[in-house]
Amino acid sequence: MSGTTYRIRKGFLIPMAITVVLGVVLLFIGIWIQLPSGRLYLLAAFMAPALLIFIESSRRRVHIHSDHILMERTLGKKQLDFGDLTSVDAVRVRKRVFISLTTENSFMIISNSYDRFDELVRRLIDLVPQATLSAEARQLAADPPRKCSDIFSAWLAVAVLLLVIATQLRSIF
C-alpha cells in the first residue's frame, strides 16, 4: 500500500503568505519614508512570528503508510511504527482537535489544521492496532470537526496590513 501525504490547508497558507508579503511591503514603505528605527524594529518583531508560522506550516507534512506514520517539519522528521503504538487518543477543544499517537519512547501530535483531516483520521483508525484506540479517537473518526478560526485570523491580518499600507501611502501622496 503506498503512502498518502497530508499538508496544512491552503486556506490557511495563502493568507499567511499574503500577510508576510504585505509585512515586507510595509517595512520597505517605512524605510522609504524614513520612519524612526524603533518603529521599524517593532514592525520587524511583529512580522517575524508570521514568517516563522508560514515557513513551519508550509513545510509540515504527514505521510501515512500501511505500517508507519511519518511527520515532516522544518526541524526534522519523526516516524512512528503502528506496531509500536501504545495509545491513540483524541482531544477536542471547541473546533480544535488533536490526535495523539504514543509509543514507549516517543509521541506525535496531529491537529486538524491539515487538509482532508477527516480522511487522515479515518485512515489512521483503519491502520493502527485497534487495542490502542481510545473511545474519543473512535468517536472523532465518525464526525471530525472543521476548523476555520485560524483562516479567519489570517485573513484579518491581511485586512489590517492593507489598511495600514493604505494609510501610509495616503500620507505620502
N, C-alpha and C. Protein backbone atom coordinates (compact mmCIF):
# COMPACT_ATOMS: atom_id res chain seq x y z
N MET A 1 0.85 -1.17 0.00
CA MET A 1 0.00 0.00 0.00
C MET A 1 0.90 1.24 0.00
N SER A 2 0.69 2.14 -0.91
CA SER A 2 1.50 3.34 -0.98
C SER A 2 1.05 4.35 0.07
N GLY A 3 1.93 5.30 0.36
CA GLY A 3 1.63 6.30 1.37
C GLY A 3 0.76 7.42 0.85
N THR A 4 0.09 8.07 1.77
CA THR A 4 -0.73 9.23 1.45
C THR A 4 -0.16 10.42 2.21
N THR A 5 -0.06 11.55 1.55
CA THR A 5 0.51 12.75 2.17
C THR A 5 -0.57 13.77 2.46
N TYR A 6 -0.50 14.35 3.65
CA TYR A 6 -1.42 15.39 4.07
C TYR A 6 -0.60 16.63 4.41
N ARG A 7 -1.11 17.78 3.99
CA ARG A 7 -0.43 19.06 4.21
C ARG A 7 -1.36 20.01 4.94
N ILE A 8 -0.79 21.08 5.47
CA ILE A 8 -1.59 22.12 6.10
C ILE A 8 -2.47 22.74 5.01
N ARG A 9 -3.70 23.08 5.38
CA ARG A 9 -4.68 23.59 4.41
C ARG A 9 -4.20 24.85 3.69
N LYS A 10 -4.43 24.89 2.39
CA LYS A 10 -4.08 26.06 1.59
C LYS A 10 -4.90 27.28 2.01
N GLY A 11 -6.09 27.03 2.52
CA GLY A 11 -6.93 28.12 3.00
C GLY A 11 -6.27 28.91 4.12
N PHE A 12 -5.32 28.30 4.81
CA PHE A 12 -4.54 29.00 5.83
C PHE A 12 -3.22 29.52 5.26
N LEU A 13 -2.58 28.73 4.41
CA LEU A 13 -1.27 29.12 3.88
C LEU A 13 -1.33 30.35 2.99
N ILE A 14 -2.39 30.47 2.20
CA ILE A 14 -2.49 31.61 1.27
C ILE A 14 -2.56 32.94 2.02
N PRO A 15 -3.47 33.12 2.99
CA PRO A 15 -3.46 34.40 3.69
C PRO A 15 -2.19 34.62 4.52
N MET A 16 -1.56 33.54 5.00
CA MET A 16 -0.30 33.72 5.74
C MET A 16 0.79 34.23 4.80
N ALA A 17 0.84 33.70 3.59
CA ALA A 17 1.83 34.17 2.61
C ALA A 17 1.59 35.64 2.27
N ILE A 18 0.32 35.99 2.08
CA ILE A 18 -0.02 37.38 1.77
C ILE A 18 0.35 38.28 2.95
N THR A 19 0.13 37.82 4.17
CA THR A 19 0.50 38.59 5.36
C THR A 19 2.00 38.86 5.39
N VAL A 20 2.79 37.85 5.10
CA VAL A 20 4.25 38.03 5.09
C VAL A 20 4.66 39.02 4.01
N VAL A 21 4.10 38.87 2.81
CA VAL A 21 4.44 39.80 1.71
C VAL A 21 4.03 41.22 2.06
N LEU A 22 2.83 41.40 2.59
CA LEU A 22 2.38 42.75 2.96
C LEU A 22 3.23 43.33 4.09
N GLY A 23 3.66 42.49 5.00
CA GLY A 23 4.55 42.96 6.07
C GLY A 23 5.87 43.47 5.52
N VAL A 24 6.42 42.75 4.55
CA VAL A 24 7.67 43.18 3.91
C VAL A 24 7.44 44.49 3.16
N VAL A 25 6.31 44.58 2.45
CA VAL A 25 5.97 45.82 1.74
C VAL A 25 5.88 46.98 2.73
N LEU A 26 5.21 46.76 3.83
CA LEU A 26 5.08 47.81 4.85
C LEU A 26 6.43 48.19 5.44
N LEU A 27 7.30 47.22 5.62
CA LEU A 27 8.65 47.51 6.12
C LEU A 27 9.42 48.37 5.13
N PHE A 28 9.32 48.04 3.84
CA PHE A 28 10.00 48.84 2.82
C PHE A 28 9.42 50.25 2.72
N ILE A 29 8.11 50.36 2.86
CA ILE A 29 7.49 51.70 2.86
C ILE A 29 8.03 52.49 4.06
N GLY A 30 8.13 51.85 5.20
CA GLY A 30 8.66 52.52 6.39
C GLY A 30 10.09 52.98 6.20
N ILE A 31 10.89 52.15 5.55
CA ILE A 31 12.28 52.55 5.26
C ILE A 31 12.29 53.72 4.28
N TRP A 32 11.42 53.63 3.27
CA TRP A 32 11.37 54.67 2.23
C TRP A 32 10.95 56.02 2.80
N ILE A 33 9.96 56.02 3.70
CA ILE A 33 9.51 57.30 4.26
C ILE A 33 10.29 57.67 5.52
N GLN A 34 11.30 56.89 5.82
CA GLN A 34 12.22 57.14 6.92
C GLN A 34 11.54 57.21 8.28
N LEU A 35 10.79 56.16 8.57
CA LEU A 35 10.20 56.03 9.90
C LEU A 35 11.33 55.87 10.92
N PRO A 36 11.10 56.25 12.15
CA PRO A 36 12.14 56.05 13.17
C PRO A 36 12.51 54.56 13.28
N SER A 37 13.77 54.31 13.56
CA SER A 37 14.24 52.92 13.58
C SER A 37 13.50 52.08 14.62
N GLY A 38 13.07 52.68 15.71
CA GLY A 38 12.31 51.94 16.73
C GLY A 38 11.02 51.36 16.16
N ARG A 39 10.34 52.13 15.33
CA ARG A 39 9.10 51.63 14.70
C ARG A 39 9.40 50.52 13.70
N LEU A 40 10.50 50.66 12.98
CA LEU A 40 10.87 49.62 12.02
C LEU A 40 11.23 48.32 12.74
N TYR A 41 11.94 48.41 13.84
CA TYR A 41 12.27 47.22 14.63
C TYR A 41 11.01 46.58 15.19
N LEU A 42 10.09 47.41 15.64
CA LEU A 42 8.83 46.90 16.18
C LEU A 42 8.04 46.17 15.09
N LEU A 43 7.98 46.75 13.90
CA LEU A 43 7.29 46.11 12.78
C LEU A 43 7.96 44.78 12.42
N ALA A 44 9.28 44.78 12.38
CA ALA A 44 10.01 43.54 12.08
C ALA A 44 9.75 42.49 13.16
N ALA A 45 9.67 42.93 14.41
CA ALA A 45 9.40 41.99 15.52
C ALA A 45 8.00 41.39 15.40
N PHE A 46 7.04 42.17 14.91
CA PHE A 46 5.69 41.65 14.71
C PHE A 46 5.62 40.73 13.48
N MET A 47 6.44 40.98 12.49
CA MET A 47 6.39 40.19 11.26
C MET A 47 7.15 38.87 11.40
N ALA A 48 8.12 38.82 12.28
CA ALA A 48 8.93 37.59 12.44
C ALA A 48 8.06 36.37 12.79
N PRO A 49 7.14 36.47 13.76
CA PRO A 49 6.31 35.29 14.03
C PRO A 49 5.45 34.87 12.84
N ALA A 50 4.94 35.83 12.09
CA ALA A 50 4.13 35.48 10.91
C ALA A 50 4.98 34.73 9.89
N LEU A 51 6.22 35.17 9.71
CA LEU A 51 7.12 34.49 8.78
C LEU A 51 7.43 33.08 9.27
N LEU A 52 7.72 32.94 10.56
CA LEU A 52 8.03 31.62 11.12
C LEU A 52 6.83 30.67 11.03
N ILE A 53 5.64 31.18 11.32
CA ILE A 53 4.43 30.35 11.22
C ILE A 53 4.22 29.91 9.78
N PHE A 54 4.42 30.82 8.84
CA PHE A 54 4.24 30.47 7.43
C PHE A 54 5.25 29.40 6.99
N ILE A 55 6.52 29.60 7.34
CA ILE A 55 7.55 28.63 6.95
C ILE A 55 7.25 27.26 7.55
N GLU A 56 6.97 27.24 8.85
CA GLU A 56 6.70 25.96 9.52
C GLU A 56 5.45 25.29 8.93
N SER A 57 4.41 26.05 8.72
CA SER A 57 3.16 25.48 8.19
C SER A 57 3.31 24.97 6.77
N SER A 58 4.06 25.69 5.96
CA SER A 58 4.20 25.27 4.56
C SER A 58 5.10 24.05 4.41
N ARG A 59 5.96 23.78 5.38
CA ARG A 59 6.86 22.63 5.31
C ARG A 59 6.31 21.39 6.01
N ARG A 60 5.25 21.54 6.76
CA ARG A 60 4.71 20.44 7.56
C ARG A 60 3.95 19.45 6.68
N ARG A 61 4.26 18.18 6.85
CA ARG A 61 3.61 17.09 6.10
C ARG A 61 3.41 15.90 7.02
N VAL A 62 2.35 15.16 6.79
CA VAL A 62 2.13 13.88 7.44
C VAL A 62 1.97 12.85 6.34
N HIS A 63 2.80 11.81 6.38
CA HIS A 63 2.75 10.72 5.40
C HIS A 63 2.28 9.48 6.15
N ILE A 64 1.17 8.93 5.70
CA ILE A 64 0.65 7.71 6.31
C ILE A 64 0.88 6.55 5.34
N HIS A 65 1.60 5.55 5.85
CA HIS A 65 1.88 4.33 5.09
C HIS A 65 1.15 3.17 5.77
N SER A 66 1.21 2.01 5.20
CA SER A 66 0.48 0.87 5.74
C SER A 66 1.01 0.42 7.10
N ASP A 67 2.30 0.67 7.39
CA ASP A 67 2.88 0.20 8.64
C ASP A 67 3.44 1.29 9.54
N HIS A 68 3.46 2.54 9.07
CA HIS A 68 4.01 3.63 9.90
C HIS A 68 3.45 4.98 9.46
N ILE A 69 3.71 5.98 10.30
CA ILE A 69 3.36 7.36 10.00
C ILE A 69 4.64 8.19 10.11
N LEU A 70 4.81 9.11 9.19
CA LEU A 70 6.00 9.96 9.16
C LEU A 70 5.54 11.41 9.15
N MET A 71 6.07 12.21 10.07
CA MET A 71 5.75 13.64 10.10
C MET A 71 7.02 14.42 9.74
N GLU A 72 6.89 15.27 8.73
CA GLU A 72 7.98 16.16 8.34
C GLU A 72 7.69 17.55 8.88
N ARG A 73 8.70 18.14 9.48
CA ARG A 73 8.61 19.51 10.00
C ARG A 73 9.85 20.26 9.55
N THR A 74 9.89 21.53 9.83
CA THR A 74 11.05 22.34 9.46
C THR A 74 12.31 21.81 10.13
N LEU A 75 12.20 21.39 11.37
CA LEU A 75 13.37 20.95 12.12
C LEU A 75 13.59 19.45 12.11
N GLY A 76 13.04 18.76 11.17
CA GLY A 76 13.32 17.33 11.06
C GLY A 76 12.10 16.48 10.79
N LYS A 77 12.32 15.17 10.91
CA LYS A 77 11.28 14.19 10.65
C LYS A 77 11.11 13.31 11.88
N LYS A 78 9.91 12.76 12.02
CA LYS A 78 9.64 11.81 13.09
C LYS A 78 8.77 10.71 12.52
N GLN A 79 9.17 9.46 12.82
CA GLN A 79 8.42 8.31 12.32
C GLN A 79 8.01 7.43 13.49
N LEU A 80 6.76 6.97 13.44
CA LEU A 80 6.26 6.03 14.42
C LEU A 80 5.71 4.83 13.67
N ASP A 81 6.14 3.65 14.08
CA ASP A 81 5.60 2.42 13.50
C ASP A 81 4.29 2.08 14.21
N PHE A 82 3.29 1.70 13.46
CA PHE A 82 1.99 1.40 14.05
C PHE A 82 2.07 0.26 15.06
N GLY A 83 2.95 -0.71 14.82
CA GLY A 83 3.11 -1.83 15.74
C GLY A 83 3.66 -1.44 17.10
N ASP A 84 4.33 -0.27 17.17
CA ASP A 84 4.92 0.19 18.43
C ASP A 84 3.98 1.08 19.24
N LEU A 85 2.83 1.42 18.68
CA LEU A 85 1.92 2.33 19.38
C LEU A 85 1.36 1.70 20.65
N THR A 86 1.31 2.53 21.71
CA THR A 86 0.70 2.09 22.96
C THR A 86 -0.66 2.73 23.16
N SER A 87 -0.87 3.92 22.56
CA SER A 87 -2.19 4.54 22.62
C SER A 87 -2.38 5.54 21.50
N VAL A 88 -3.63 5.65 21.08
CA VAL A 88 -4.05 6.66 20.11
C VAL A 88 -5.25 7.34 20.75
N ASP A 89 -5.08 8.63 21.01
CA ASP A 89 -6.13 9.36 21.72
C ASP A 89 -6.48 10.63 20.96
N ALA A 90 -7.62 11.19 21.25
CA ALA A 90 -8.07 12.44 20.63
C ALA A 90 -8.54 13.38 21.72
N VAL A 91 -8.17 14.64 21.56
CA VAL A 91 -8.61 15.68 22.48
C VAL A 91 -9.30 16.75 21.64
N ARG A 92 -10.48 17.15 22.08
CA ARG A 92 -11.25 18.15 21.35
C ARG A 92 -11.47 19.36 22.25
N VAL A 93 -11.06 20.53 21.78
CA VAL A 93 -11.29 21.79 22.47
C VAL A 93 -12.01 22.70 21.48
N ARG A 94 -13.31 22.81 21.67
CA ARG A 94 -14.18 23.51 20.72
C ARG A 94 -14.01 22.92 19.33
N LYS A 95 -13.55 23.73 18.37
CA LYS A 95 -13.36 23.23 17.00
C LYS A 95 -11.93 22.74 16.75
N ARG A 96 -11.09 22.81 17.75
CA ARG A 96 -9.70 22.38 17.62
C ARG A 96 -9.59 20.93 18.11
N VAL A 97 -8.94 20.08 17.30
CA VAL A 97 -8.79 18.67 17.64
C VAL A 97 -7.32 18.27 17.53
N PHE A 98 -6.89 17.46 18.46
CA PHE A 98 -5.53 16.93 18.45
C PHE A 98 -5.59 15.43 18.56
N ILE A 99 -4.87 14.75 17.69
CA ILE A 99 -4.72 13.30 17.73
C ILE A 99 -3.34 13.04 18.31
N SER A 100 -3.28 12.24 19.35
CA SER A 100 -2.02 11.90 20.00
C SER A 100 -1.70 10.44 19.74
N LEU A 101 -0.54 10.20 19.15
CA LEU A 101 -0.05 8.85 18.90
C LEU A 101 1.14 8.65 19.83
N THR A 102 1.09 7.62 20.67
CA THR A 102 2.12 7.43 21.69
C THR A 102 2.75 6.04 21.58
N THR A 103 4.07 6.01 21.72
CA THR A 103 4.81 4.75 21.84
C THR A 103 5.52 4.78 23.20
N GLU A 104 6.29 3.74 23.50
CA GLU A 104 7.04 3.71 24.77
C GLU A 104 8.00 4.88 24.88
N ASN A 105 8.64 5.27 23.76
CA ASN A 105 9.72 6.26 23.80
C ASN A 105 9.41 7.57 23.10
N SER A 106 8.27 7.68 22.45
CA SER A 106 8.03 8.87 21.65
C SER A 106 6.53 9.13 21.53
N PHE A 107 6.22 10.26 20.94
CA PHE A 107 4.82 10.59 20.68
C PHE A 107 4.75 11.53 19.49
N MET A 108 3.56 11.67 18.94
CA MET A 108 3.31 12.56 17.82
C MET A 108 1.92 13.15 18.02
N ILE A 109 1.80 14.45 17.76
CA ILE A 109 0.50 15.12 17.88
C ILE A 109 0.15 15.72 16.52
N ILE A 110 -1.05 15.41 16.07
CA ILE A 110 -1.54 15.89 14.78
C ILE A 110 -2.79 16.72 15.05
N SER A 111 -2.83 17.94 14.53
CA SER A 111 -4.01 18.80 14.73
C SER A 111 -4.89 18.77 13.49
N ASN A 112 -6.07 19.34 13.62
CA ASN A 112 -6.98 19.38 12.48
C ASN A 112 -6.70 20.57 11.56
N SER A 113 -5.46 21.04 11.55
CA SER A 113 -5.05 22.07 10.60
C SER A 113 -4.72 21.48 9.24
N TYR A 114 -4.69 20.16 9.16
CA TYR A 114 -4.34 19.50 7.91
C TYR A 114 -5.54 19.41 6.98
N ASP A 115 -5.24 19.54 5.70
CA ASP A 115 -6.25 19.38 4.67
C ASP A 115 -6.70 17.92 4.67
N ARG A 116 -7.98 17.69 4.39
CA ARG A 116 -8.56 16.35 4.38
C ARG A 116 -8.37 15.65 5.72
N PHE A 117 -8.54 16.39 6.80
CA PHE A 117 -8.33 15.85 8.14
C PHE A 117 -9.24 14.66 8.42
N ASP A 118 -10.48 14.73 7.95
CA ASP A 118 -11.40 13.61 8.17
C ASP A 118 -10.87 12.33 7.55
N GLU A 119 -10.32 12.43 6.35
CA GLU A 119 -9.72 11.27 5.68
C GLU A 119 -8.49 10.78 6.45
N LEU A 120 -7.67 11.71 6.91
CA LEU A 120 -6.48 11.37 7.69
C LEU A 120 -6.86 10.56 8.94
N VAL A 121 -7.87 11.03 9.67
CA VAL A 121 -8.31 10.35 10.89
C VAL A 121 -8.84 8.96 10.56
N ARG A 122 -9.66 8.86 9.56
CA ARG A 122 -10.24 7.55 9.21
C ARG A 122 -9.16 6.57 8.77
N ARG A 123 -8.19 7.06 8.03
CA ARG A 123 -7.08 6.20 7.59
C ARG A 123 -6.28 5.72 8.78
N LEU A 124 -5.99 6.62 9.70
CA LEU A 124 -5.28 6.22 10.92
C LEU A 124 -6.05 5.17 11.70
N ILE A 125 -7.34 5.41 11.88
CA ILE A 125 -8.18 4.48 12.64
C ILE A 125 -8.16 3.09 12.01
N ASP A 126 -8.13 3.04 10.68
CA ASP A 126 -8.10 1.75 9.99
C ASP A 126 -6.75 1.04 10.14
N LEU A 127 -5.66 1.80 10.27
CA LEU A 127 -4.33 1.20 10.23
C LEU A 127 -3.71 0.91 11.60
N VAL A 128 -4.05 1.68 12.61
CA VAL A 128 -3.42 1.46 13.92
C VAL A 128 -4.03 0.24 14.61
N PRO A 129 -3.29 -0.38 15.53
CA PRO A 129 -3.86 -1.51 16.28
C PRO A 129 -5.12 -1.06 17.03
N GLN A 130 -6.21 -1.78 16.84
CA GLN A 130 -7.49 -1.39 17.42
C GLN A 130 -7.46 -1.32 18.95
N ALA A 131 -6.59 -2.10 19.58
CA ALA A 131 -6.50 -2.10 21.05
C ALA A 131 -5.93 -0.79 21.58
N THR A 132 -5.22 -0.02 20.74
CA THR A 132 -4.62 1.24 21.19
C THR A 132 -5.58 2.42 21.10
N LEU A 133 -6.70 2.25 20.41
CA LEU A 133 -7.64 3.35 20.17
C LEU A 133 -8.47 3.67 21.41
N SER A 134 -8.56 4.95 21.72
CA SER A 134 -9.44 5.39 22.80
C SER A 134 -10.85 5.58 22.23
N ALA A 135 -11.81 5.68 23.13
CA ALA A 135 -13.19 5.92 22.71
C ALA A 135 -13.31 7.26 21.99
N GLU A 136 -12.54 8.27 22.47
CA GLU A 136 -12.57 9.61 21.86
C GLU A 136 -12.06 9.56 20.42
N ALA A 137 -11.02 8.77 20.17
CA ALA A 137 -10.48 8.66 18.81
C ALA A 137 -11.48 8.00 17.88
N ARG A 138 -12.15 6.98 18.36
CA ARG A 138 -13.18 6.31 17.54
C ARG A 138 -14.33 7.27 17.23
N GLN A 139 -14.72 8.04 18.23
CA GLN A 139 -15.81 8.99 18.07
C GLN A 139 -15.43 10.09 17.09
N LEU A 140 -14.18 10.54 17.16
CA LEU A 140 -13.70 11.58 16.26
C LEU A 140 -13.74 11.11 14.81
N ALA A 141 -13.42 9.88 14.58
CA ALA A 141 -13.43 9.34 13.21
C ALA A 141 -14.83 9.40 12.61
N ALA A 142 -15.84 9.28 13.46
CA ALA A 142 -17.22 9.32 12.97
C ALA A 142 -17.64 10.73 12.57
N ASP A 143 -17.12 11.75 13.27
CA ASP A 143 -17.55 13.12 13.00
C ASP A 143 -16.44 14.13 13.31
N PRO A 144 -15.41 14.22 12.46
CA PRO A 144 -14.34 15.19 12.72
C PRO A 144 -14.80 16.62 12.44
N PRO A 145 -14.49 17.57 13.33
CA PRO A 145 -14.92 18.95 13.13
C PRO A 145 -14.07 19.67 12.10
N ARG A 146 -14.64 20.68 11.48
CA ARG A 146 -13.89 21.56 10.57
C ARG A 146 -13.46 22.78 11.36
N LYS A 147 -12.22 23.15 11.21
CA LYS A 147 -11.68 24.28 11.94
C LYS A 147 -11.41 25.41 10.96
N CYS A 148 -11.91 26.61 11.25
CA CYS A 148 -11.68 27.71 10.32
C CYS A 148 -11.29 29.00 11.02
N SER A 149 -11.15 28.99 12.34
CA SER A 149 -10.81 30.22 13.06
C SER A 149 -9.42 30.72 12.69
N ASP A 150 -8.46 29.80 12.43
CA ASP A 150 -7.13 30.23 12.04
C ASP A 150 -7.14 30.90 10.67
N ILE A 151 -8.00 30.44 9.78
CA ILE A 151 -8.11 31.05 8.46
C ILE A 151 -8.70 32.45 8.58
N PHE A 152 -9.71 32.60 9.41
CA PHE A 152 -10.30 33.92 9.64
C PHE A 152 -9.26 34.88 10.21
N SER A 153 -8.48 34.42 11.18
CA SER A 153 -7.44 35.27 11.79
C SER A 153 -6.39 35.69 10.77
N ALA A 154 -6.01 34.76 9.90
CA ALA A 154 -5.01 35.09 8.89
C ALA A 154 -5.54 36.13 7.90
N TRP A 155 -6.80 35.99 7.49
CA TRP A 155 -7.38 36.99 6.59
C TRP A 155 -7.58 38.33 7.29
N LEU A 156 -7.86 38.30 8.57
CA LEU A 156 -7.97 39.53 9.35
C LEU A 156 -6.62 40.26 9.38
N ALA A 157 -5.53 39.52 9.54
CA ALA A 157 -4.20 40.13 9.49
C ALA A 157 -3.94 40.77 8.13
N VAL A 158 -4.37 40.12 7.06
CA VAL A 158 -4.22 40.68 5.72
C VAL A 158 -4.98 42.01 5.63
N ALA A 159 -6.21 42.02 6.11
CA ALA A 159 -7.03 43.24 6.05
C ALA A 159 -6.39 44.37 6.85
N VAL A 160 -5.89 44.08 8.03
CA VAL A 160 -5.26 45.11 8.86
C VAL A 160 -4.01 45.65 8.17
N LEU A 161 -3.20 44.77 7.62
CA LEU A 161 -1.99 45.24 6.93
C LEU A 161 -2.33 46.08 5.70
N LEU A 162 -3.36 45.69 4.96
CA LEU A 162 -3.79 46.51 3.81
C LEU A 162 -4.24 47.89 4.25
N LEU A 163 -4.95 47.94 5.36
CA LEU A 163 -5.39 49.23 5.90
C LEU A 163 -4.20 50.10 6.31
N VAL A 164 -3.23 49.51 6.98
CA VAL A 164 -2.04 50.26 7.40
C VAL A 164 -1.24 50.73 6.19
N ILE A 165 -1.09 49.87 5.19
CA ILE A 165 -0.36 50.26 3.98
C ILE A 165 -1.09 51.39 3.27
N ALA A 166 -2.40 51.30 3.16
CA ALA A 166 -3.19 52.37 2.52
C ALA A 166 -3.03 53.68 3.28
N THR A 167 -3.03 53.61 4.59
CA THR A 167 -2.86 54.82 5.41
C THR A 167 -1.48 55.42 5.18
N GLN A 168 -0.45 54.58 5.15
CA GLN A 168 0.91 55.07 4.93
C GLN A 168 1.06 55.69 3.55
N LEU A 169 0.52 55.03 2.54
CA LEU A 169 0.62 55.56 1.18
C LEU A 169 -0.18 56.85 1.03
N ARG A 170 -1.31 56.92 1.72
CA ARG A 170 -2.13 58.15 1.66
C ARG A 170 -1.38 59.33 2.25
N SER A 171 -0.62 59.10 3.30
CA SER A 171 0.14 60.20 3.92
C SER A 171 1.30 60.65 3.05
N ILE A 172 1.78 59.77 2.18
CA ILE A 172 2.90 60.12 1.29
C ILE A 172 2.41 60.95 0.10
N PHE A 173 1.27 60.55 -0.46
CA PHE A 173 0.80 61.21 -1.68
C PHE A 173 -0.25 62.19 -1.38
